[in-house]
């Protein structure tokens, strides 16, 4: 009788722990807390599933490798296509079979093997000085950045930064390595200074007259407009979408994947599906001035004011294939030196 009673007590103690575990999902995220926590709070409100998050600026792939099958991670959120591909290449994620996600995320913006999915889009723009250049014509393309007329007039961050590596990869996808190398040499010859700083620093340089054109992601304009110290930088430039009469504007993504050894797969799937829903997509895009990946979801008022644009339709899968080639070309032309 005592043994039966002890067993009953142990079972009673164990039950709540199992129930609690079943109502949780663990996220490893490169995205900053203020960007994702509002969505996680809404998800918990709707489902009762608690979201536990570990944030990191780098090293999540290494962390997953070290943890192996004992990793608590269910979902991984990233800031760039290269990080998504890294997770896939290192076999740290697993395929996700969801008609709901497939219906919400266009095929162009998800892995062919369903191992990762985009959540938001950001365009790689060219900012032009309002005073010295004006709005660039719709015919302006990335190829034009290598023309002699822009000698000493272009600012950019490091060519080896993932945002620029992705742009170079897209150029290889369209024009091949030989032509892209010539283009890189031309752009390097047109730089006003050695590549440095972040995207916002390039717009600041335009404001200060150091250059006339700056390469940068679209959402940084939103950040600068809403920063009193940087608002003047934003007001000094026009945002331009290259390739509107050609291949279209290059876009990169933030994205998600299910960890290979996810202990809470059912809850992980629920969270991933929620993140592609209208409500989450609108919240996600609003807070960081990005574009929803799901078609038809409302953009923020500020982002909408920049106008519509044609995005490059080359698949992110294809762009990712040229990541190593792009890095090699940047080294060959000594872009950052």
C-alpha atoms as a PDB file:
ATOM      1  CA  UNK A   1       0.000   0.000   0.000  1.00  0.00           C
ATOM      2  CA  UNK A   2       2.840   2.366   0.927  1.00  0.00           C
ATOM      3  CA  UNK A   3       4.542   1.645  -2.415  1.00  0.00           C
ATOM      4  CA  UNK A   4       1.324   2.374  -4.306  1.00  0.00           C
ATOM      5  CA  UNK A   5       0.853   5.600  -2.374  1.00  0.00           C
ATOM      6  CA  UNK A   6       4.443   6.658  -3.071  1.00  0.00           C
ATOM      7  CA  UNK A   7       4.016   5.921  -6.764  1.00  0.00           C
ATOM      8  CA  UNK A   8       0.814   7.952  -6.868  1.00  0.00           C
ATOM      9  CA  UNK A   9       2.541  10.887  -5.193  1.00  0.00           C
ATOM     10  CA  UNK A  10       5.446  10.722  -7.638  1.00  0.00           C
ATOM     11  CA  UNK A  11       3.067  10.591 -10.586  1.00  0.00           C
ATOM     12  CA  UNK A  12       1.197  13.520  -9.193  1.00  0.00           C
ATOM     13  CA  UNK A  13       4.364  15.531  -8.877  1.00  0.00           C
ATOM     14  CA  UNK A  14       5.532  14.597 -12.351  1.00  0.00           C
ATOM     15  CA  UNK A  15       2.283  15.464 -14.113  1.00  0.00           C
ATOM     16  CA  UNK A  16       2.469  19.254 -13.724  1.00  0.00           C
ATOM     17  CA  UNK A  17       6.059  19.249 -14.963  1.00  0.00           C
ATOM     18  CA  UNK A  18       5.092  17.414 -18.129  1.00  0.00           C
ATOM     19  CA  UNK A  19       2.150  19.741 -18.673  1.00  0.00           C
ATOM     20  CA  UNK A  20       4.352  22.788 -18.187  1.00  0.00           C
ATOM     21  CA  UNK A  21       6.935  21.527 -20.653  1.00  0.00           C
ATOM     22  CA  UNK A  22       4.181  20.890 -23.176  1.00  0.00           C
ATOM     23  CA  UNK A  23       3.142  24.554 -22.911  1.00  0.00           C
ATOM     24  CA  UNK A  24       6.547  25.996 -23.737  1.00  0.00           C
ATOM     25  CA  UNK A  25       8.644  26.663 -26.814  1.00  0.00           C
ATOM     26  CA  UNK A  26      12.314  27.657 -26.797  1.00  0.00           C
ATOM     27  CA  UNK A  27      13.674  30.202 -29.264  1.00  0.00           C
ATOM     28  CA  UNK A  28      17.280  31.075 -30.136  1.00  0.00           C
ATOM     29  CA  UNK A  29      17.263  34.516 -31.741  1.00  0.00           C
ATOM     30  CA  UNK A  30      19.670  36.845 -33.526  1.00  0.00           C
ATOM     31  CA  UNK A  31      16.874  39.391 -33.591  1.00  0.00           C
ATOM     32  CA  UNK A  32      16.811  41.951 -30.790  1.00  0.00           C
ATOM     33  CA  UNK A  33      14.290  41.538 -27.950  1.00  0.00           C
ATOM     34  CA  UNK A  34      12.226  44.628 -28.762  1.00  0.00           C
ATOM     35  CA  UNK A  35      11.594  43.295 -32.280  1.00  0.00           C
ATOM     36  CA  UNK A  36      10.216  39.886 -31.370  1.00  0.00           C
ATOM     37  CA  UNK A  37       8.870  40.039 -27.824  1.00  0.00           C
ATOM     38  CA  UNK A  38       5.607  41.833 -28.792  1.00  0.00           C
ATOM     39  CA  UNK A  39       4.804  38.950 -31.167  1.00  0.00           C
ATOM     40  CA  UNK A  40       5.749  36.316 -28.619  1.00  0.00           C
ATOM     41  CA  UNK A  41       3.497  37.974 -26.040  1.00  0.00           C
ATOM     42  CA  UNK A  42       0.614  37.895 -28.506  1.00  0.00           C
ATOM     43  CA  UNK A  43       1.318  34.250 -29.340  1.00  0.00           C
ATOM     44  CA  UNK A  44       1.251  33.328 -25.638  1.00  0.00           C
ATOM     45  CA  UNK A  45      -1.969  35.286 -25.203  1.00  0.00           C
ATOM     46  CA  UNK A  46      -3.638  33.358 -28.026  1.00  0.00           C
ATOM     47  CA  UNK A  47      -2.278  29.874 -27.313  1.00  0.00           C
ATOM     48  CA  UNK A  48      -1.200  29.793 -23.674  1.00  0.00           C
ATOM     49  CA  UNK A  49       2.228  28.580 -24.817  1.00  0.00           C
ATOM     50  CA  UNK A  50       5.107  30.332 -23.067  1.00  0.00           C
ATOM     51  CA  UNK A  51       8.005  31.475 -25.254  1.00  0.00           C
ATOM     52  CA  UNK A  52      11.490  31.242 -23.733  1.00  0.00           C
ATOM     53  CA  UNK A  53      14.086  33.239 -25.666  1.00  0.00           C
ATOM     54  CA  UNK A  54      17.882  33.327 -25.769  1.00  0.00           C
ATOM     55  CA  UNK A  55      19.274  36.315 -27.660  1.00  0.00           C
ATOM     56  CA  UNK A  56      22.711  36.490 -29.252  1.00  0.00           C
ATOM     57  CA  UNK A  57      24.558  38.754 -31.671  1.00  0.00           C
ATOM     58  CA  UNK A  58      26.552  35.839 -33.068  1.00  0.00           C
ATOM     59  CA  UNK A  59      27.487  32.218 -32.522  1.00  0.00           C
ATOM     60  CA  UNK A  60      24.083  30.497 -32.452  1.00  0.00           C
ATOM     61  CA  UNK A  61      25.144  27.916 -35.033  1.00  0.00           C
ATOM     62  CA  UNK A  62      28.178  27.057 -32.924  1.00  0.00           C
ATOM     63  CA  UNK A  63      26.007  26.844 -29.819  1.00  0.00           C
ATOM     64  CA  UNK A  64      23.628  24.423 -31.528  1.00  0.00           C
ATOM     65  CA  UNK A  65      26.577  22.303 -32.683  1.00  0.00           C
ATOM     66  CA  UNK A  66      27.988  22.122 -29.168  1.00  0.00           C
ATOM     67  CA  UNK A  67      24.644  21.222 -27.614  1.00  0.00           C
ATOM     68  CA  UNK A  68      23.852  18.568 -30.188  1.00  0.00           C
ATOM     69  CA  UNK A  69      20.865  16.342 -29.417  1.00  0.00           C
ATOM     70  CA  UNK A  70      20.629  17.847 -25.932  1.00  0.00           C
ATOM     71  CA  UNK A  71      19.888  21.334 -27.240  1.00  0.00           C
ATOM     72  CA  UNK A  72      16.700  22.897 -25.821  1.00  0.00           C
ATOM     73  CA  UNK A  73      16.240  25.035 -28.959  1.00  0.00           C
ATOM     74  CA  UNK A  74      12.993  24.608 -30.888  1.00  0.00           C
ATOM     75  CA  UNK A  75      13.011  27.592 -33.257  1.00  0.00           C
ATOM     76  CA  UNK A  76      15.878  29.744 -34.529  1.00  0.00           C
ATOM     77  CA  UNK A  77      15.321  33.324 -35.736  1.00  0.00           C
ATOM     78  CA  UNK A  78      17.958  34.986 -37.921  1.00  0.00           C
ATOM     79  CA  UNK A  79      18.678  38.377 -39.447  1.00  0.00           C
ATOM     80  CA  UNK A  80      20.038  37.396 -42.839  1.00  0.00           C
ATOM     81  CA  UNK A  81      19.822  34.756 -45.568  1.00  0.00           C
ATOM     82  CA  UNK A  82      23.460  33.755 -45.001  1.00  0.00           C
ATOM     83  CA  UNK A  83      22.713  32.748 -41.398  1.00  0.00           C
ATOM     84  CA  UNK A  84      19.727  30.671 -42.500  1.00  0.00           C
ATOM     85  CA  UNK A  85      21.824  28.862 -45.082  1.00  0.00           C
ATOM     86  CA  UNK A  86      24.583  28.302 -42.516  1.00  0.00           C
ATOM     87  CA  UNK A  87      22.102  26.501 -40.254  1.00  0.00           C
ATOM     88  CA  UNK A  88      20.949  24.355 -43.142  1.00  0.00           C
ATOM     89  CA  UNK A  89      24.437  23.577 -44.438  1.00  0.00           C
ATOM     90  CA  UNK A  90      25.570  22.494 -40.984  1.00  0.00           C
ATOM     91  CA  UNK A  91      22.476  20.265 -40.675  1.00  0.00           C
ATOM     92  CA  UNK A  92      21.285  22.045 -37.547  1.00  0.00           C
ATOM     93  CA  UNK A  93      17.666  22.378 -38.676  1.00  0.00           C
ATOM     94  CA  UNK A  94      14.932  20.096 -39.964  1.00  0.00           C
ATOM     95  CA  UNK A  95      12.295  20.283 -42.726  1.00  0.00           C
ATOM     96  CA  UNK A  96       8.894  21.660 -41.751  1.00  0.00           C
ATOM     97  CA  UNK A  97       5.761  20.374 -43.461  1.00  0.00           C
ATOM     98  CA  UNK A  98       3.089  23.060 -43.168  1.00  0.00           C
ATOM     99  CA  UNK A  99       0.584  23.989 -45.857  1.00  0.00           C
ATOM    100  CA  UNK A 100      -0.224  27.097 -43.842  1.00  0.00           C
ATOM    101  CA  UNK A 101       3.379  28.369 -43.920  1.00  0.00           C
ATOM    102  CA  UNK A 102       3.771  27.422 -47.580  1.00  0.00           C
ATOM    103  CA  UNK A 103       0.637  29.402 -48.346  1.00  0.00           C
ATOM    104  CA  UNK A 104       1.845  32.449 -46.437  1.00  0.00           C
ATOM    105  CA  UNK A 105       5.494  32.525 -47.570  1.00  0.00           C
ATOM    106  CA  UNK A 106       6.071  32.760 -51.359  1.00  0.00           C
ATOM    107  CA  UNK A 107       8.278  30.017 -52.786  1.00  0.00           C
ATOM    108  CA  UNK A 108      10.948  32.595 -53.693  1.00  0.00           C
ATOM    109  CA  UNK A 109      11.432  33.307 -49.999  1.00  0.00           C
ATOM    110  CA  UNK A 110      11.691  29.797 -48.560  1.00  0.00           C
ATOM    111  CA  UNK A 111      14.084  26.892 -48.833  1.00  0.00           C
ATOM    112  CA  UNK A 112      13.464  24.303 -51.535  1.00  0.00           C
ATOM    113  CA  UNK A 113      13.673  21.620 -48.859  1.00  0.00           C
ATOM    114  CA  UNK A 114      11.462  23.585 -46.415  1.00  0.00           C
ATOM    115  CA  UNK A 115      14.291  23.928 -43.890  1.00  0.00           C
ATOM    116  CA  UNK A 116      13.959  27.708 -43.523  1.00  0.00           C
ATOM    117  CA  UNK A 117      11.421  30.426 -44.250  1.00  0.00           C
ATOM    118  CA  UNK A 118      11.627  34.198 -44.597  1.00  0.00           C
ATOM    119  CA  UNK A 119       9.568  36.352 -42.236  1.00  0.00           C
ATOM    120  CA  UNK A 120      10.287  39.913 -43.360  1.00  0.00           C
ATOM    121  CA  UNK A 121      11.990  41.554 -46.327  1.00  0.00           C
ATOM    122  CA  UNK A 122      14.384  44.487 -46.506  1.00  0.00           C
ATOM    123  CA  UNK A 123      15.599  46.054 -49.747  1.00  0.00           C
ATOM    124  CA  UNK A 124      19.205  47.028 -50.532  1.00  0.00           C
ATOM    125  CA  UNK A 125      18.828  50.638 -51.603  1.00  0.00           C
ATOM    126  CA  UNK A 126      20.937  53.464 -52.949  1.00  0.00           C
ATOM    127  CA  UNK A 127      20.502  56.740 -51.074  1.00  0.00           C
ATOM    128  CA  UNK A 128      21.190  59.964 -52.989  1.00  0.00           C
ATOM    129  CA  UNK A 129      21.906  63.481 -51.764  1.00  0.00           C
ATOM    130  CA  UNK A 130      18.860  65.727 -52.159  1.00  0.00           C
ATOM    131  CA  UNK A 131      21.022  68.796 -52.670  1.00  0.00           C
ATOM    132  CA  UNK A 132      23.770  67.486 -54.944  1.00  0.00           C
ATOM    133  CA  UNK A 133      22.130  64.639 -56.878  1.00  0.00           C
ATOM    134  CA  UNK A 134      18.378  64.571 -56.427  1.00  0.00           C
ATOM    135  CA  UNK A 135      16.136  61.569 -56.984  1.00  0.00           C
ATOM    136  CA  UNK A 136      17.734  58.924 -59.189  1.00  0.00           C
ATOM    137  CA  UNK A 137      15.843  57.899 -62.355  1.00  0.00           C
ATOM    138  CA  UNK A 138      13.865  54.661 -62.489  1.00  0.00           C
ATOM    139  CA  UNK A 139      16.455  53.369 -64.959  1.00  0.00           C
ATOM    140  CA  UNK A 140      19.216  53.508 -62.324  1.00  0.00           C
ATOM    141  CA  UNK A 141      20.639  50.061 -61.588  1.00  0.00           C
ATOM    142  CA  UNK A 142      23.318  48.612 -59.322  1.00  0.00           C
ATOM    143  CA  UNK A 143      25.528  48.315 -62.411  1.00  0.00           C
ATOM    144  CA  UNK A 144      25.549  52.112 -62.623  1.00  0.00           C
ATOM    145  CA  UNK A 145      27.478  52.319 -59.354  1.00  0.00           C
ATOM    146  CA  UNK A 146      30.580  51.339 -61.344  1.00  0.00           C
ATOM    147  CA  UNK A 147      30.266  54.155 -63.899  1.00  0.00           C
ATOM    148  CA  UNK A 148      33.095  56.773 -63.941  1.00  0.00           C
ATOM    149  CA  UNK A 149      30.634  59.615 -63.282  1.00  0.00           C
ATOM    150  CA  UNK A 150      30.404  58.475 -59.644  1.00  0.00           C
ATOM    151  CA  UNK A 151      34.164  58.449 -59.013  1.00  0.00           C
ATOM    152  CA  UNK A 152      34.863  59.490 -55.431  1.00  0.00           C
ATOM    153  CA  UNK A 153      31.163  59.831 -54.665  1.00  0.00           C
ATOM    154  CA  UNK A 154      30.029  56.493 -53.159  1.00  0.00           C
ATOM    155  CA  UNK A 155      30.014  55.378 -49.503  1.00  0.00           C
ATOM    156  CA  UNK A 156      29.361  51.875 -48.187  1.00  0.00           C
ATOM    157  CA  UNK A 157      30.062  49.644 -45.233  1.00  0.00           C
ATOM    158  CA  UNK A 158      32.443  46.689 -45.509  1.00  0.00           C
ATOM    159  CA  UNK A 159      31.990  44.631 -48.623  1.00  0.00           C
ATOM    160  CA  UNK A 160      32.328  41.517 -46.459  1.00  0.00           C
ATOM    161  CA  UNK A 161      29.274  42.418 -44.368  1.00  0.00           C
ATOM    162  CA  UNK A 162      26.476  39.873 -45.009  1.00  0.00           C
ATOM    163  CA  UNK A 163      24.195  42.549 -46.522  1.00  0.00           C
ATOM    164  CA  UNK A 164      26.778  43.412 -49.174  1.00  0.00           C
ATOM    165  CA  UNK A 165      27.856  39.810 -49.705  1.00  0.00           C
ATOM    166  CA  UNK A 166      24.228  38.997 -50.524  1.00  0.00           C
ATOM    167  CA  UNK A 167      24.090  41.883 -53.011  1.00  0.00           C
ATOM    168  CA  UNK A 168      27.286  40.691 -54.697  1.00  0.00           C
ATOM    169  CA  UNK A 169      25.882  37.147 -54.762  1.00  0.00           C
ATOM    170  CA  UNK A 170      22.791  38.412 -56.579  1.00  0.00           C
ATOM    171  CA  UNK A 171      24.995  40.150 -59.141  1.00  0.00           C
ATOM    172  CA  UNK A 172      26.818  36.847 -59.756  1.00  0.00           C
ATOM    173  CA  UNK A 173      23.465  35.103 -60.157  1.00  0.00           C
ATOM    174  CA  UNK A 174      22.530  37.554 -62.912  1.00  0.00           C
ATOM    175  CA  UNK A 175      25.839  38.348 -64.634  1.00  0.00           C
ATOM    176  CA  UNK A 176      28.357  35.658 -63.694  1.00  0.00           C
ATOM    177  CA  UNK A 177      31.625  35.937 -61.767  1.00  0.00           C
ATOM    178  CA  UNK A 178      33.740  37.635 -64.440  1.00  0.00           C
ATOM    179  CA  UNK A 179      31.332  40.526 -64.998  1.00  0.00           C
ATOM    180  CA  UNK A 180      30.677  40.884 -61.278  1.00  0.00           C
ATOM    181  CA  UNK A 181      34.413  41.155 -60.610  1.00  0.00           C
ATOM    182  CA  UNK A 182      34.671  44.007 -63.142  1.00  0.00           C
ATOM    183  CA  UNK A 183      31.692  45.668 -61.474  1.00  0.00           C
ATOM    184  CA  UNK A 184      33.276  45.375 -58.025  1.00  0.00           C
ATOM    185  CA  UNK A 185      36.497  46.911 -59.334  1.00  0.00           C
ATOM    186  CA  UNK A 186      34.483  49.799 -60.745  1.00  0.00           C
ATOM    187  CA  UNK A 187      32.563  50.366 -57.503  1.00  0.00           C
ATOM    188  CA  UNK A 188      35.802  50.242 -55.495  1.00  0.00           C
ATOM    189  CA  UNK A 189      37.318  52.883 -57.802  1.00  0.00           C
ATOM    190  CA  UNK A 190      34.302  55.115 -57.126  1.00  0.00           C
ATOM    191  CA  UNK A 191      34.429  54.951 -53.326  1.00  0.00           C
ATOM    192  CA  UNK A 192      34.824  58.242 -51.505  1.00  0.00           C
ATOM    193  CA  UNK A 193      36.543  56.504 -48.594  1.00  0.00           C
ATOM    194  CA  UNK A 194      37.534  53.064 -47.383  1.00  0.00           C
ATOM    195  CA  UNK A 195      34.447  50.954 -46.509  1.00  0.00           C
ATOM    196  CA  UNK A 196      33.599  51.482 -42.842  1.00  0.00           C
ATOM    197  CA  UNK A 197      30.803  51.885 -40.299  1.00  0.00           C
ATOM    198  CA  UNK A 198      27.227  50.671 -40.595  1.00  0.00           C
ATOM    199  CA  UNK A 199      24.498  51.559 -43.085  1.00  0.00           C
ATOM    200  CA  UNK A 200      23.389  54.620 -41.139  1.00  0.00           C
ATOM    201  CA  UNK A 201      26.950  55.951 -41.113  1.00  0.00           C
ATOM    202  CA  UNK A 202      26.877  56.024 -44.911  1.00  0.00           C
ATOM    203  CA  UNK A 203      23.787  58.226 -44.949  1.00  0.00           C
ATOM    204  CA  UNK A 204      25.443  60.467 -42.355  1.00  0.00           C
ATOM    205  CA  UNK A 205      28.418  60.770 -44.708  1.00  0.00           C
ATOM    206  CA  UNK A 206      26.097  61.950 -47.477  1.00  0.00           C
ATOM    207  CA  UNK A 207      24.619  64.564 -45.132  1.00  0.00           C
ATOM    208  CA  UNK A 208      28.131  65.749 -44.261  1.00  0.00           C
ATOM    209  CA  UNK A 209      29.150  65.997 -47.931  1.00  0.00           C
ATOM    210  CA  UNK A 210      31.689  63.171 -47.900  1.00  0.00           C
ATOM    211  CA  UNK A 211      29.839  61.341 -50.683  1.00  0.00           C
ATOM    212  CA  UNK A 212      26.770  61.726 -52.896  1.00  0.00           C
ATOM    213  CA  UNK A 213      25.501  58.144 -52.922  1.00  0.00           C
ATOM    214  CA  UNK A 214      25.252  55.588 -50.098  1.00  0.00           C
ATOM    215  CA  UNK A 215      24.364  51.899 -50.161  1.00  0.00           C
ATOM    216  CA  UNK A 216      22.082  50.804 -47.330  1.00  0.00           C
ATOM    217  CA  UNK A 217      19.093  48.740 -46.262  1.00  0.00           C
ATOM    218  CA  UNK A 218      15.653  50.313 -46.406  1.00  0.00           C
ATOM    219  CA  UNK A 219      14.688  49.900 -42.760  1.00  0.00           C
ATOM    220  CA  UNK A 220      17.554  52.088 -41.569  1.00  0.00           C
ATOM    221  CA  UNK A 221      15.750  55.077 -43.065  1.00  0.00           C
ATOM    222  CA  UNK A 222      12.837  54.375 -40.722  1.00  0.00           C
ATOM    223  CA  UNK A 223      15.194  54.131 -37.756  1.00  0.00           C
ATOM    224  CA  UNK A 224      16.861  57.445 -38.629  1.00  0.00           C
ATOM    225  CA  UNK A 225      13.570  59.274 -39.184  1.00  0.00           C
ATOM    226  CA  UNK A 226      12.522  58.277 -35.671  1.00  0.00           C
ATOM    227  CA  UNK A 227      15.814  59.195 -34.016  1.00  0.00           C
ATOM    228  CA  UNK A 228      16.106  62.900 -33.143  1.00  0.00           C
ATOM    229  CA  UNK A 229      19.902  62.796 -33.462  1.00  0.00           C
ATOM    230  CA  UNK A 230      19.765  61.154 -36.900  1.00  0.00           C
ATOM    231  CA  UNK A 231      16.618  62.646 -38.402  1.00  0.00           C
ATOM    232  CA  UNK A 232      18.635  65.296 -40.241  1.00  0.00           C
ATOM    233  CA  UNK A 233      20.623  62.545 -41.964  1.00  0.00           C
ATOM    234  CA  UNK A 234      17.418  60.944 -43.251  1.00  0.00           C
ATOM    235  CA  UNK A 235      16.058  64.283 -44.433  1.00  0.00           C
ATOM    236  CA  UNK A 236      19.197  64.888 -46.490  1.00  0.00           C
ATOM    237  CA  UNK A 237      18.665  61.918 -48.823  1.00  0.00           C
ATOM    238  CA  UNK A 238      16.229  60.282 -51.209  1.00  0.00           C
ATOM    239  CA  UNK A 239      15.701  56.537 -51.014  1.00  0.00           C
ATOM    240  CA  UNK A 240      16.038  54.893 -54.430  1.00  0.00           C
ATOM    241  CA  UNK A 241      15.113  51.376 -55.561  1.00  0.00           C
ATOM    242  CA  UNK A 242      17.652  50.227 -58.195  1.00  0.00           C
ATOM    243  CA  UNK A 243      16.742  47.939 -61.070  1.00  0.00           C
ATOM    244  CA  UNK A 244      13.163  49.052 -61.627  1.00  0.00           C
ATOM    245  CA  UNK A 245      13.624  48.810 -65.384  1.00  0.00           C
ATOM    246  CA  UNK A 246      15.846  45.751 -65.066  1.00  0.00           C
ATOM    247  CA  UNK A 247      16.122  42.818 -62.674  1.00  0.00           C
ATOM    248  CA  UNK A 248      14.533  44.627 -59.750  1.00  0.00           C
ATOM    249  CA  UNK A 249      15.812  45.668 -56.333  1.00  0.00           C
ATOM    250  CA  UNK A 250      17.807  43.150 -54.317  1.00  0.00           C
ATOM    251  CA  UNK A 251      16.027  42.027 -51.144  1.00  0.00           C
ATOM    252  CA  UNK A 252      17.325  40.189 -48.109  1.00  0.00           C
ATOM    253  CA  UNK A 253      15.309  38.630 -45.303  1.00  0.00           C
ATOM    254  CA  UNK A 254      14.936  37.861 -41.659  1.00  0.00           C
ATOM    255  CA  UNK A 255      13.829  34.273 -41.213  1.00  0.00           C
ATOM    256  CA  UNK A 256      13.132  31.214 -39.105  1.00  0.00           C
ATOM    257  CA  UNK A 257      13.921  27.515 -38.947  1.00  0.00           C
ATOM    258  CA  UNK A 258      13.046  24.581 -36.672  1.00  0.00           C
ATOM    259  CA  UNK A 259      16.037  23.257 -34.746  1.00  0.00           C
ATOM    260  CA  UNK A 260      17.093  19.714 -35.629  1.00  0.00           C
ATOM    261  CA  UNK A 261      16.496  18.288 -32.146  1.00  0.00           C
ATOM    262  CA  UNK A 262      13.540  20.502 -31.180  1.00  0.00           C
ATOM    263  CA  UNK A 263      12.077  18.955 -27.985  1.00  0.00           C
ATOM    264  CA  UNK A 264       8.762  20.792 -28.429  1.00  0.00           C
ATOM    265  CA  UNK A 265       8.081  20.280 -32.127  1.00  0.00           C
ATOM    266  CA  UNK A 266       4.314  20.712 -31.977  1.00  0.00           C
ATOM    267  CA  UNK A 267       4.612  24.037 -30.169  1.00  0.00           C
ATOM    268  CA  UNK A 268       7.461  25.084 -32.445  1.00  0.00           C
ATOM    269  CA  UNK A 269       5.256  24.519 -35.482  1.00  0.00           C
ATOM    270  CA  UNK A 270       2.441  26.539 -33.906  1.00  0.00           C
ATOM    271  CA  UNK A 271       4.823  29.443 -33.304  1.00  0.00           C
ATOM    272  CA  UNK A 272       6.253  29.290 -36.818  1.00  0.00           C
ATOM    273  CA  UNK A 273       2.780  29.274 -38.331  1.00  0.00           C
ATOM    274  CA  UNK A 274       1.759  32.189 -36.107  1.00  0.00           C
ATOM    275  CA  UNK A 275       4.779  34.220 -37.245  1.00  0.00           C
ATOM    276  CA  UNK A 276       3.541  34.000 -40.838  1.00  0.00           C
ATOM    277  CA  UNK A 277      -0.008  35.088 -39.921  1.00  0.00           C
ATOM    278  CA  UNK A 278      -1.423  38.495 -40.856  1.00  0.00           C
ATOM    279  CA  UNK A 279      -1.322  39.753 -37.274  1.00  0.00           C
ATOM    280  CA  UNK A 280       2.292  38.758 -36.588  1.00  0.00           C
ATOM    281  CA  UNK A 281       3.477  39.873 -40.006  1.00  0.00           C
ATOM    282  CA  UNK A 282       2.012  43.335 -39.524  1.00  0.00           C
ATOM    283  CA  UNK A 283       3.490  43.612 -36.019  1.00  0.00           C
ATOM    284  CA  UNK A 284       6.902  42.371 -37.123  1.00  0.00           C
ATOM    285  CA  UNK A 285       7.147  44.672 -40.137  1.00  0.00           C
ATOM    286  CA  UNK A 286       5.834  47.705 -38.241  1.00  0.00           C
ATOM    287  CA  UNK A 287       8.339  47.608 -35.407  1.00  0.00           C
ATOM    288  CA  UNK A 288      11.452  47.414 -37.632  1.00  0.00           C
ATOM    289  CA  UNK A 289      10.227  49.256 -40.778  1.00  0.00           C
ATOM    290  CA  UNK A 290      10.536  46.103 -42.883  1.00  0.00           C
ATOM    291  CA  UNK A 291       8.290  44.589 -45.548  1.00  0.00           C
ATOM    292  CA  UNK A 292       5.945  41.706 -44.638  1.00  0.00           C
ATOM    293  CA  UNK A 293       6.837  38.544 -46.531  1.00  0.00           C
ATOM    294  CA  UNK A 294       3.187  37.565 -46.763  1.00  0.00           C
ATOM    295  CA  UNK A 295       1.480  39.227 -49.685  1.00  0.00           C
ATOM    296  CA  UNK A 296      -1.397  41.573 -48.905  1.00  0.00           C
ATOM    297  CA  UNK A 297      -0.347  42.397 -45.340  1.00  0.00           C
ATOM    298  CA  UNK A 298      -0.441  46.115 -44.583  1.00  0.00           C
ATOM    299  CA  UNK A 299       2.892  47.938 -44.490  1.00  0.00           C
ATOM    300  CA  UNK A 300       3.641  50.574 -41.872  1.00  0.00           C
ATOM    301  CA  UNK A 301       2.618  54.085 -42.893  1.00  0.00           C
ATOM    302  CA  UNK A 302       6.243  55.225 -43.115  1.00  0.00           C
ATOM    303  CA  UNK A 303       7.363  52.267 -45.234  1.00  0.00           C
ATOM    304  CA  UNK A 304       4.354  52.691 -47.517  1.00  0.00           C
ATOM    305  CA  UNK A 305       5.355  56.335 -48.067  1.00  0.00           C
ATOM    306  CA  UNK A 306       8.561  55.188 -49.792  1.00  0.00           C
ATOM    307  CA  UNK A 307       6.454  53.800 -52.630  1.00  0.00           C
ATOM    308  CA  UNK A 308       6.104  50.432 -54.321  1.00  0.00           C
ATOM    309  CA  UNK A 309       9.004  48.727 -56.028  1.00  0.00           C
ATOM    310  CA  UNK A 310       9.772  45.663 -58.126  1.00  0.00           C
ATOM    311  CA  UNK A 311      11.854  43.167 -56.164  1.00  0.00           C
ATOM    312  CA  UNK A 312      14.452  40.989 -57.838  1.00  0.00           C
ATOM    313  CA  UNK A 313      12.744  37.638 -58.392  1.00  0.00           C
ATOM    314  CA  UNK A 314      15.870  35.456 -58.262  1.00  0.00           C
ATOM    315  CA  UNK A 315      15.320  32.955 -55.467  1.00  0.00           C
ATOM    316  CA  UNK A 316      17.160  33.342 -52.192  1.00  0.00           C
ATOM    317  CA  UNK A 317      18.236  29.717 -52.536  1.00  0.00           C
ATOM    318  CA  UNK A 318      20.106  30.613 -55.721  1.00  0.00           C
ATOM    319  CA  UNK A 319      21.661  33.736 -54.205  1.00  0.00           C
ATOM    320  CA  UNK A 320      22.876  31.682 -51.252  1.00  0.00           C
ATOM    321  CA  UNK A 321      24.695  29.326 -53.630  1.00  0.00           C
ATOM    322  CA  UNK A 322      27.034  32.162 -54.626  1.00  0.00           C
ATOM    323  CA  UNK A 323      27.910  33.338 -51.116  1.00  0.00           C
ATOM    324  CA  UNK A 324      31.417  31.808 -51.160  1.00  0.00           C
ATOM    325  CA  UNK A 325      32.066  33.029 -54.695  1.00  0.00           C
ATOM    326  CA  UNK A 326      31.034  36.553 -53.696  1.00  0.00           C
ATOM    327  CA  UNK A 327      33.359  36.539 -50.693  1.00  0.00           C
ATOM    328  CA  UNK A 328      36.208  35.330 -52.905  1.00  0.00           C
ATOM    329  CA  UNK A 329      35.675  38.139 -55.431  1.00  0.00           C
ATOM    330  CA  UNK A 330      35.606  40.758 -52.671  1.00  0.00           C
ATOM    331  CA  UNK A 331      38.966  39.427 -51.499  1.00  0.00           C
ATOM    332  CA  UNK A 332      40.394  39.362 -55.026  1.00  0.00           C
ATOM    333  CA  UNK A 333      39.596  43.025 -55.689  1.00  0.00           C
ATOM    334  CA  UNK A 334      40.671  43.983 -52.144  1.00  0.00           C
ATOM    335  CA  UNK A 335      37.385  45.820 -51.783  1.00  0.00           C
ATOM    336  CA  UNK A 336      37.826  46.803 -48.140  1.00  0.00           C
ATOM    337  CA  UNK A 337      41.483  47.870 -48.426  1.00  0.00           C
END
